Amino acid sequence: MANSTHTQPRARIVTCPSCGGDSVYSPANVYRPFCSERCKQIDLGAWASEDFRMPAEAPPADEPYGDPRLQH
């Protein structure tokens, strides 16, 4: 008779993007990749307040496209 033991894949541990702690990355962790609901909410709040904006160079205010009052 064949040995039919099924092994569960090992849970992958990743770094929580919010707190830097360990987080289980598996379907069992509904907050993945975050370690907890708290960390997920902190990240959502930072996203909603635009803390994750990409830096962009704005033209100086005295350039024609920098100051709307100077656009004709």
C-alpha atoms as a PDB file:
ATOM      1  CA  MET A   1       0.000   0.000   0.000  1.00  0.00           C
ATOM      2  CA  ALA A   2       1.350   3.434  -0.884  1.00  0.00           C
ATOM      3  CA  ASN A   3       2.059   5.934   1.840  1.00  0.00           C
ATOM      4  CA  SER A   4      -0.379   8.787   1.186  1.00  0.00           C
ATOM      5  CA  THR A   5       0.611  11.368   3.752  1.00  0.00           C
ATOM      6  CA  HIS A   6      -0.038  14.906   2.646  1.00  0.00           C
ATOM      7  CA  THR A   7       2.223  17.551   4.046  1.00  0.00           C
ATOM      8  CA  GLN A   8       1.061  21.089   4.445  1.00  0.00           C
ATOM      9  CA  PRO A   9       3.323  23.621   2.755  1.00  0.00           C
ATOM     10  CA  ARG A  10       5.292  25.642   5.263  1.00  0.00           C
ATOM     11  CA  ALA A  11       3.883  29.059   5.952  1.00  0.00           C
ATOM     12  CA  ARG A  12       5.993  31.798   4.437  1.00  0.00           C
ATOM     13  CA  ILE A  13       7.137  34.477   6.876  1.00  0.00           C
ATOM     14  CA  VAL A  14       7.486  37.976   5.404  1.00  0.00           C
ATOM     15  CA  THR A  15       8.236  41.361   6.907  1.00  0.00           C
ATOM     16  CA  CYS A  16       5.153  43.415   7.743  1.00  0.00           C
ATOM     17  CA  PRO A  17       5.319  46.587   5.612  1.00  0.00           C
ATOM     18  CA  SER A  18       3.922  48.655   8.476  1.00  0.00           C
ATOM     19  CA  CYS A  19       5.744  47.599  11.653  1.00  0.00           C
ATOM     20  CA  GLY A  20       8.623  45.551  10.269  1.00  0.00           C
ATOM     21  CA  GLY A  21       7.711  42.503  12.353  1.00  0.00           C
ATOM     22  CA  ASP A  22       7.114  38.958  11.165  1.00  0.00           C
ATOM     23  CA  SER A  23       3.933  38.277   9.242  1.00  0.00           C
ATOM     24  CA  VAL A  24       2.582  34.908   8.099  1.00  0.00           C
ATOM     25  CA  TYR A  25       1.904  35.090   4.371  1.00  0.00           C
ATOM     26  CA  SER A  26      -0.790  32.484   3.883  1.00  0.00           C
ATOM     27  CA  PRO A  27      -4.550  32.344   3.345  1.00  0.00           C
ATOM     28  CA  ALA A  28      -4.900  31.851   7.104  1.00  0.00           C
ATOM     29  CA  ASN A  29      -3.722  35.457   7.647  1.00  0.00           C
ATOM     30  CA  VAL A  30      -6.571  37.613   6.335  1.00  0.00           C
ATOM     31  CA  TYR A  31      -4.435  40.750   6.806  1.00  0.00           C
ATOM     32  CA  ARG A  32      -1.497  39.560   4.655  1.00  0.00           C
ATOM     33  CA  PRO A  33       1.028  40.961   3.936  1.00  0.00           C
ATOM     34  CA  PHE A  34       0.402  42.815   7.211  1.00  0.00           C
ATOM     35  CA  CYS A  35       0.709  41.080  10.560  1.00  0.00           C
ATOM     36  CA  SER A  36      -2.524  42.474  12.020  1.00  0.00           C
ATOM     37  CA  GLU A  37      -5.597  44.567  11.356  1.00  0.00           C
ATOM     38  CA  ARG A  38      -3.908  47.480  13.141  1.00  0.00           C
ATOM     39  CA  CYS A  39      -0.947  47.494  10.734  1.00  0.00           C
ATOM     40  CA  LYS A  40      -3.297  47.206   7.744  1.00  0.00           C
ATOM     41  CA  GLN A  41      -5.321  50.204   8.976  1.00  0.00           C
ATOM     42  CA  ILE A  42      -2.188  52.281   9.612  1.00  0.00           C
ATOM     43  CA  ASP A  43      -1.073  51.618   6.029  1.00  0.00           C
ATOM     44  CA  LEU A  44      -4.532  52.445   4.666  1.00  0.00           C
ATOM     45  CA  GLY A  45      -4.533  55.729   6.599  1.00  0.00           C
ATOM     46  CA  ALA A  46      -1.109  56.655   5.223  1.00  0.00           C
ATOM     47  CA  TRP A  47      -2.281  55.844   1.700  1.00  0.00           C
ATOM     48  CA  ALA A  48      -5.500  57.869   2.125  1.00  0.00           C
ATOM     49  CA  SER A  49      -3.581  60.916   3.381  1.00  0.00           C
ATOM     50  CA  GLU A  50      -1.237  60.646   0.368  1.00  0.00           C
ATOM     51  CA  ASP A  51       1.868  59.862   2.427  1.00  0.00           C
ATOM     52  CA  PHE A  52       2.991  57.525  -0.373  1.00  0.00           C
ATOM     53  CA  ARG A  53       3.221  60.175  -3.100  1.00  0.00           C
ATOM     54  CA  MET A  54       6.029  59.972  -5.592  1.00  0.00           C
ATOM     55  CA  PRO A  55       8.354  62.969  -5.403  1.00  0.00           C
ATOM     56  CA  ALA A  56       8.089  65.274  -8.377  1.00  0.00           C
ATOM     57  CA  GLU A  57       9.973  68.388  -9.227  1.00  0.00           C
ATOM     58  CA  ALA A  58       7.642  71.331  -9.539  1.00  0.00           C
ATOM     59  CA  PRO A  59       8.740  74.281 -11.639  1.00  0.00           C
ATOM     60  CA  PRO A  60       9.667  77.419  -9.713  1.00  0.00           C
ATOM     61  CA  ALA A  61       6.757  79.767  -9.050  1.00  0.00           C
ATOM     62  CA  ASP A  62       8.252  82.428 -11.320  1.00  0.00           C
ATOM     63  CA  GLU A  63       8.340  80.145 -14.369  1.00  0.00           C
ATOM     64  CA  PRO A  64       5.486  80.632 -16.892  1.00  0.00           C
ATOM     65  CA  TYR A  65       3.994  77.185 -16.128  1.00  0.00           C
ATOM     66  CA  GLY A  66       4.629  77.342 -12.387  1.00  0.00           C
ATOM     67  CA  ASP A  67       2.450  80.323 -11.520  1.00  0.00           C
ATOM     68  CA  PRO A  68      -1.096  80.244 -12.933  1.00  0.00           C
ATOM     69  CA  ARG A  69      -1.274  84.054 -12.703  1.00  0.00           C
ATOM     70  CA  LEU A  70       1.470  84.290 -15.328  1.00  0.00           C
ATOM     71  CA  GLN A  71      -0.214  81.974 -17.833  1.00  0.00           C
ATOM     72  CA  HIS A  72      -1.800  83.888 -20.699  1.00  0.00           C
END
